[in-house]
Amino acid sequence: MIALGDSSYGETYCGAGRHLDERLADLGATRHGERLEIDAMETFMADDAALPWVEAWIPTLPATA
């Protein structure tokens, strides 16, 4: 799960990604790796943070995925 948010929003920072991640867990989904939260206030291009995360995340997937 990659969540994009703006840390100036306080408690709701990356809220949609957090809620979706929690809901998927409630429904029995299996997490492969930790959620990445990208702060738009600190990272101008979200893909600069997401690409290394995705490249590290792909090898953790089961061979059947």
PDB file of N, CA and C in Angstrom:
ATOM      1  N   MET A   1       0.855  -1.158   0.000  1.00  0.00           N
ATOM      2  CA  MET A   1       0.000   0.000   0.000  1.00  0.00           C
ATOM      3  C   MET A   1       0.903   1.224   0.000  1.00  0.00           C
ATOM      4  N   ILE A   2       0.656   2.107  -0.933  1.00  0.00           N
ATOM      5  CA  ILE A   2       1.329   3.399  -0.952  1.00  0.00           C
ATOM      6  C   ILE A   2       0.265   4.450  -0.697  1.00  0.00           C
ATOM      7  N   ALA A   3       0.478   5.247   0.345  1.00  0.00           N
ATOM      8  CA  ALA A   3      -0.465   6.302   0.703  1.00  0.00           C
ATOM      9  C   ALA A   3       0.217   7.660   0.508  1.00  0.00           C
ATOM     10  N   LEU A   4      -0.456   8.553  -0.165  1.00  0.00           N
ATOM     11  CA  LEU A   4       0.059   9.895  -0.382  1.00  0.00           C
ATOM     12  C   LEU A   4      -0.755  10.858   0.460  1.00  0.00           C
ATOM     13  N   GLY A   5      -0.082  11.727   1.176  1.00  0.00           N
ATOM     14  CA  GLY A   5      -0.789  12.681   2.019  1.00  0.00           C
ATOM     15  C   GLY A   5       0.015  13.943   2.228  1.00  0.00           C
ATOM     16  N   ASP A   6      -0.573  14.853   2.973  1.00  0.00           N
ATOM     17  CA  ASP A   6       0.021  16.141   3.304  1.00  0.00           C
ATOM     18  C   ASP A   6       0.069  16.223   4.822  1.00  0.00           C
ATOM     19  N   SER A   7       1.274  16.211   5.392  1.00  0.00           N
ATOM     20  CA  SER A   7       1.422  16.149   6.839  1.00  0.00           C
ATOM     21  C   SER A   7       0.831  17.357   7.551  1.00  0.00           C
ATOM     22  N   SER A   8       0.563  18.433   6.841  1.00  0.00           N
ATOM     23  CA  SER A   8      -0.038  19.603   7.476  1.00  0.00           C
ATOM     24  C   SER A   8      -1.497  19.342   7.866  1.00  0.00           C
ATOM     25  N   TYR A   9      -2.068  18.212   7.416  1.00  0.00           N
ATOM     26  CA  TYR A   9      -3.438  17.859   7.776  1.00  0.00           C
ATOM     27  C   TYR A   9      -3.518  17.074   9.081  1.00  0.00           C
ATOM     28  N   GLY A  10      -2.398  16.905   9.759  1.00  0.00           N
ATOM     29  CA  GLY A  10      -2.381  16.292  11.086  1.00  0.00           C
ATOM     30  C   GLY A  10      -2.857  14.868  11.118  1.00  0.00           C
ATOM     31  N   GLU A  11      -3.899  14.608  11.902  1.00  0.00           N
ATOM     32  CA  GLU A  11      -4.372  13.243  12.138  1.00  0.00           C
ATOM     33  C   GLU A  11      -4.928  12.560  10.900  1.00  0.00           C
ATOM     34  N   THR A  12      -5.315  13.326   9.896  1.00  0.00           N
ATOM     35  CA  THR A  12      -5.866  12.715   8.687  1.00  0.00           C
ATOM     36  C   THR A  12      -4.795  12.462   7.623  1.00  0.00           C
ATOM     37  N   TYR A  13      -3.537  12.735   7.957  1.00  0.00           N
ATOM     38  CA  TYR A  13      -2.423  12.506   7.031  1.00  0.00           C
ATOM     39  C   TYR A  13      -2.451  11.065   6.532  1.00  0.00           C
ATOM     40  N   CYS A  14      -2.476  10.881   5.248  1.00  0.00           N
ATOM     41  CA  CYS A  14      -2.525   9.566   4.587  1.00  0.00           C
ATOM     42  C   CYS A  14      -3.731   8.747   5.049  1.00  0.00           C
ATOM     43  N   GLY A  15      -4.780   9.425   5.430  1.00  0.00           N
ATOM     44  CA  GLY A  15      -5.953   8.772   5.992  1.00  0.00           C
ATOM     45  C   GLY A  15      -6.601   7.757   5.073  1.00  0.00           C
ATOM     46  N   ALA A  16      -6.747   8.086   3.807  1.00  0.00           N
ATOM     47  CA  ALA A  16      -7.393   7.149   2.883  1.00  0.00           C
ATOM     48  C   ALA A  16      -6.581   5.862   2.768  1.00  0.00           C
ATOM     49  N   GLY A  17      -5.276   5.985   2.639  1.00  0.00           N
ATOM     50  CA  GLY A  17      -4.423   4.798   2.542  1.00  0.00           C
ATOM     51  C   GLY A  17      -4.454   3.977   3.814  1.00  0.00           C
ATOM     52  N   ARG A  18      -4.450   4.645   4.966  1.00  0.00           N
ATOM     53  CA  ARG A  18      -4.507   3.934   6.249  1.00  0.00           C
ATOM     54  C   ARG A  18      -5.836   3.195   6.394  1.00  0.00           C
ATOM     55  N   HIS A  19      -6.932   3.866   6.072  1.00  0.00           N
ATOM     56  CA  HIS A  19      -8.243   3.235   6.184  1.00  0.00           C
ATOM     57  C   HIS A  19      -8.385   2.046   5.236  1.00  0.00           C
ATOM     58  N   LEU A  20      -7.915   2.204   4.004  1.00  0.00           N
ATOM     59  CA  LEU A  20      -7.992   1.099   3.045  1.00  0.00           C
ATOM     60  C   LEU A  20      -7.131  -0.073   3.504  1.00  0.00           C
ATOM     61  N   ASP A  21      -5.950   0.228   4.004  1.00  0.00           N
ATOM     62  CA  ASP A  21      -5.055  -0.815   4.504  1.00  0.00           C
ATOM     63  C   ASP A  21      -5.722  -1.576   5.656  1.00  0.00           C
ATOM     64  N   GLU A  22      -6.344  -0.848   6.577  1.00  0.00           N
ATOM     65  CA  GLU A  22      -7.038  -1.485   7.703  1.00  0.00           C
ATOM     66  C   GLU A  22      -8.227  -2.318   7.225  1.00  0.00           C
ATOM     67  N   ARG A  23      -8.966  -1.786   6.273  1.00  0.00           N
ATOM     68  CA  ARG A  23     -10.145  -2.508   5.768  1.00  0.00           C
ATOM     69  C   ARG A  23      -9.737  -3.797   5.072  1.00  0.00           C
ATOM     70  N   LEU A  24      -8.682  -3.738   4.269  1.00  0.00           N
ATOM     71  CA  LEU A  24      -8.200  -4.947   3.601  1.00  0.00           C
ATOM     72  C   LEU A  24      -7.773  -5.992   4.629  1.00  0.00           C
ATOM     73  N   ALA A  25      -7.111  -5.553   5.699  1.00  0.00           N
ATOM     74  CA  ALA A  25      -6.712  -6.484   6.760  1.00  0.00           C
ATOM     75  C   ALA A  25      -7.946  -7.091   7.428  1.00  0.00           C
ATOM     76  N   ASP A  26      -8.967  -6.253   7.672  1.00  0.00           N
ATOM     77  CA  ASP A  26     -10.208  -6.753   8.277  1.00  0.00           C
ATOM     78  C   ASP A  26     -10.871  -7.821   7.405  1.00  0.00           C
ATOM     79  N   LEU A  27     -10.700  -7.696   6.099  1.00  0.00           N
ATOM     80  CA  LEU A  27     -11.305  -8.637   5.161  1.00  0.00           C
ATOM     81  C   LEU A  27     -10.438  -9.876   4.924  1.00  0.00           C
ATOM     82  N   GLY A  28      -9.295  -9.939   5.594  1.00  0.00           N
ATOM     83  CA  GLY A  28      -8.449 -11.121   5.505  1.00  0.00           C
ATOM     84  C   GLY A  28      -7.305 -11.037   4.511  1.00  0.00           C
ATOM     85  N   ALA A  29      -7.060  -9.870   3.980  1.00  0.00           N
ATOM     86  CA  ALA A  29      -5.956  -9.723   3.022  1.00  0.00           C
ATOM     87  C   ALA A  29      -4.622  -9.970   3.729  1.00  0.00           C
ATOM     88  N   THR A  30      -3.664 -10.474   2.985  1.00  0.00           N
ATOM     89  CA  THR A  30      -2.328 -10.712   3.508  1.00  0.00           C
ATOM     90  C   THR A  30      -1.421  -9.576   3.068  1.00  0.00           C
ATOM     91  N   ARG A  31      -0.779  -8.952   4.026  1.00  0.00           N
ATOM     92  CA  ARG A  31       0.129  -7.835   3.717  1.00  0.00           C
ATOM     93  C   ARG A  31       1.490  -8.392   3.315  1.00  0.00           C
ATOM     94  N   HIS A  32       2.036  -7.824   2.267  1.00  0.00           N
ATOM     95  CA  HIS A  32       3.394  -8.145   1.832  1.00  0.00           C
ATOM     96  C   HIS A  32       4.196  -6.861   1.910  1.00  0.00           C
ATOM     97  N   GLY A  33       4.860  -6.667   3.038  1.00  0.00           N
ATOM     98  CA  GLY A  33       5.625  -5.456   3.266  1.00  0.00           C
ATOM     99  C   GLY A  33       4.805  -4.429   4.031  1.00  0.00           C
ATOM    100  N   GLU A  34       5.461  -3.356   4.394  1.00  0.00           N
ATOM    101  CA  GLU A  34       4.836  -2.289   5.161  1.00  0.00           C
ATOM    102  C   GLU A  34       4.262  -1.220   4.236  1.00  0.00           C
ATOM    103  N   ARG A  35       3.292  -0.508   4.725  1.00  0.00           N
ATOM    104  CA  ARG A  35       2.691   0.594   3.971  1.00  0.00           C
ATOM    105  C   ARG A  35       3.726   1.718   3.842  1.00  0.00           C
ATOM    106  N   LEU A  36       3.787   2.299   2.669  1.00  0.00           N
ATOM    107  CA  LEU A  36       4.630   3.463   2.429  1.00  0.00           C
ATOM    108  C   LEU A  36       3.751   4.693   2.478  1.00  0.00           C
ATOM    109  N   GLU A  37       4.113   5.647   3.326  1.00  0.00           N
ATOM    110  CA  GLU A  37       3.394   6.911   3.407  1.00  0.00           C
ATOM    111  C   GLU A  37       4.304   8.007   2.871  1.00  0.00           C
ATOM    112  N   ILE A  38       3.832   8.697   1.852  1.00  0.00           N
ATOM    113  CA  ILE A  38       4.619   9.750   1.212  1.00  0.00           C
ATOM    114  C   ILE A  38       4.004  11.092   1.573  1.00  0.00           C
ATOM    115  N   ASP A  39       4.839  11.973   2.102  1.00  0.00           N
ATOM    116  CA  ASP A  39       4.396  13.302   2.498  1.00  0.00           C
ATOM    117  C   ASP A  39       4.627  14.271   1.340  1.00  0.00           C
ATOM    118  N   ALA A  40       3.543  14.780   0.789  1.00  0.00           N
ATOM    119  CA  ALA A  40       3.629  15.709  -0.338  1.00  0.00           C
ATOM    120  C   ALA A  40       4.298  17.026   0.060  1.00  0.00           C
ATOM    121  N   MET A  41       4.361  17.312   1.349  1.00  0.00           N
ATOM    122  CA  MET A  41       5.036  18.525   1.816  1.00  0.00           C
ATOM    123  C   MET A  41       6.555  18.378   1.748  1.00  0.00           C
ATOM    124  N   GLU A  42       7.044  17.135   1.754  1.00  0.00           N
ATOM    125  CA  GLU A  42       8.480  16.885   1.752  1.00  0.00           C
ATOM    126  C   GLU A  42       8.993  16.295   0.443  1.00  0.00           C
ATOM    127  N   THR A  43       8.120  15.619  -0.289  1.00  0.00           N
ATOM    128  CA  THR A  43       8.525  14.927  -1.519  1.00  0.00           C
ATOM    129  C   THR A  43       7.769  15.521  -2.689  1.00  0.00           C
ATOM    130  N   PHE A  44       8.472  16.267  -3.526  1.00  0.00           N
ATOM    131  CA  PHE A  44       7.835  16.933  -4.663  1.00  0.00           C
ATOM    132  C   PHE A  44       7.309  15.922  -5.673  1.00  0.00           C
ATOM    133  N   MET A  45       8.103  14.915  -5.973  1.00  0.00           N
ATOM    134  CA  MET A  45       7.707  13.880  -6.929  1.00  0.00           C
ATOM    135  C   MET A  45       7.510  12.577  -6.163  1.00  0.00           C
ATOM    136  N   ALA A  46       6.261  12.165  -6.030  1.00  0.00           N
ATOM    137  CA  ALA A  46       5.948  10.969  -5.249  1.00  0.00           C
ATOM    138  C   ALA A  46       6.662   9.732  -5.784  1.00  0.00           C
ATOM    139  N   ASP A  47       6.861   9.664  -7.080  1.00  0.00           N
ATOM    140  CA  ASP A  47       7.516   8.487  -7.645  1.00  0.00           C
ATOM    141  C   ASP A  47       8.973   8.368  -7.197  1.00  0.00           C
ATOM    142  N   ASP A  48       9.606   9.481  -6.785  1.00  0.00           N
ATOM    143  CA  ASP A  48      10.971   9.401  -6.260  1.00  0.00           C
ATOM    144  C   ASP A  48      11.021   8.548  -4.992  1.00  0.00           C
ATOM    145  N   ALA A  49       9.976   8.591  -4.194  1.00  0.00           N
ATOM    146  CA  ALA A  49       9.904   7.770  -2.985  1.00  0.00           C
ATOM    147  C   ALA A  49       9.308   6.399  -3.281  1.00  0.00           C
ATOM    148  N   ALA A  50       8.357   6.345  -4.196  1.00  0.00           N
ATOM    149  CA  ALA A  50       7.633   5.096  -4.456  1.00  0.00           C
ATOM    150  C   ALA A  50       8.466   4.077  -5.224  1.00  0.00           C
ATOM    151  N   LEU A  51       9.249   4.501  -6.184  1.00  0.00           N
ATOM    152  CA  LEU A  51       9.975   3.551  -7.031  1.00  0.00           C
ATOM    153  C   LEU A  51      10.911   2.643  -6.244  1.00  0.00           C
ATOM    154  N   PRO A  52      11.763   3.170  -5.353  1.00  0.00           N
ATOM    155  CA  PRO A  52      12.618   2.249  -4.588  1.00  0.00           C
ATOM    156  C   PRO A  52      11.807   1.303  -3.702  1.00  0.00           C
ATOM    157  N   TRP A  53      10.679   1.799  -3.167  1.00  0.00           N
ATOM    158  CA  TRP A  53       9.822   0.961  -2.329  1.00  0.00           C
ATOM    159  C   TRP A  53       9.251  -0.181  -3.161  1.00  0.00           C
ATOM    160  N   VAL A  54       8.749   0.126  -4.348  1.00  0.00           N
ATOM    161  CA  VAL A  54       8.165  -0.897  -5.219  1.00  0.00           C
ATOM    162  C   VAL A  54       9.236  -1.909  -5.638  1.00  0.00           C
ATOM    163  N   GLU A  55      10.414  -1.425  -5.969  1.00  0.00           N
ATOM    164  CA  GLU A  55      11.488  -2.331  -6.391  1.00  0.00           C
ATOM    165  C   GLU A  55      11.888  -3.284  -5.265  1.00  0.00           C
ATOM    166  N   ALA A  56      11.826  -2.844  -4.017  1.00  0.00           N
ATOM    167  CA  ALA A  56      12.123  -3.708  -2.878  1.00  0.00           C
ATOM    168  C   ALA A  56      10.935  -4.611  -2.543  1.00  0.00           C
ATOM    169  N   TRP A  57       9.720  -4.144  -2.850  1.00  0.00           N
ATOM    170  CA  TRP A  57       8.502  -4.860  -2.508  1.00  0.00           C
ATOM    171  C   TRP A  57       8.209  -6.032  -3.459  1.00  0.00           C
ATOM    172  N   ILE A  58       8.472  -5.866  -4.721  1.00  0.00           N
ATOM    173  CA  ILE A  58       8.143  -6.895  -5.722  1.00  0.00           C
ATOM    174  C   ILE A  58       8.740  -8.257  -5.360  1.00  0.00           C
ATOM    175  N   PRO A  59      10.005  -8.343  -4.960  1.00  0.00           N
ATOM    176  CA  PRO A  59      10.555  -9.665  -4.632  1.00  0.00           C
ATOM    177  C   PRO A  59       9.900 -10.331  -3.413  1.00  0.00           C
ATOM    178  N   THR A  60       9.148  -9.605  -2.604  1.00  0.00           N
ATOM    179  CA  THR A  60       8.492 -10.209  -1.451  1.00  0.00           C
ATOM    180  C   THR A  60       7.195 -10.911  -1.815  1.00  0.00           C
ATOM    181  N   LEU A  61       6.711 -10.719  -3.028  1.00  0.00           N
ATOM    182  CA  LEU A  61       5.460 -11.330  -3.445  1.00  0.00           C
ATOM    183  C   LEU A  61       5.638 -12.830  -3.666  1.00  0.00           C
ATOM    184  N   PRO A  62       4.634 -13.590  -3.320  1.00  0.00           N
ATOM    185  CA  PRO A  62       4.712 -15.038  -3.586  1.00  0.00           C
ATOM    186  C   PRO A  62       4.802 -15.292  -5.093  1.00  0.00           C
ATOM    187  N   ALA A  63       5.400 -16.382  -5.449  1.00  0.00           N
ATOM    188  CA  ALA A  63       5.577 -16.720  -6.867  1.00  0.00           C
ATOM    189  C   ALA A  63       4.233 -16.879  -7.588  1.00  0.00           C
ATOM    190  N   THR A  64       3.175 -17.171  -6.875  1.00  0.00           N
ATOM    191  CA  THR A  64       1.871 -17.375  -7.494  1.00  0.00           C
ATOM    192  C   THR A  64       1.083 -16.074  -7.685  1.00  0.00           C
ATOM    193  N   ALA A  65       1.615 -14.958  -7.200  1.00  0.00           N
ATOM    194  CA  ALA A  65       0.881 -13.683  -7.297  1.00  0.00           C
ATOM    195  C   ALA A  65       0.870 -13.140  -8.701  1.00  0.00           C
TER     196      ALA A  65
END
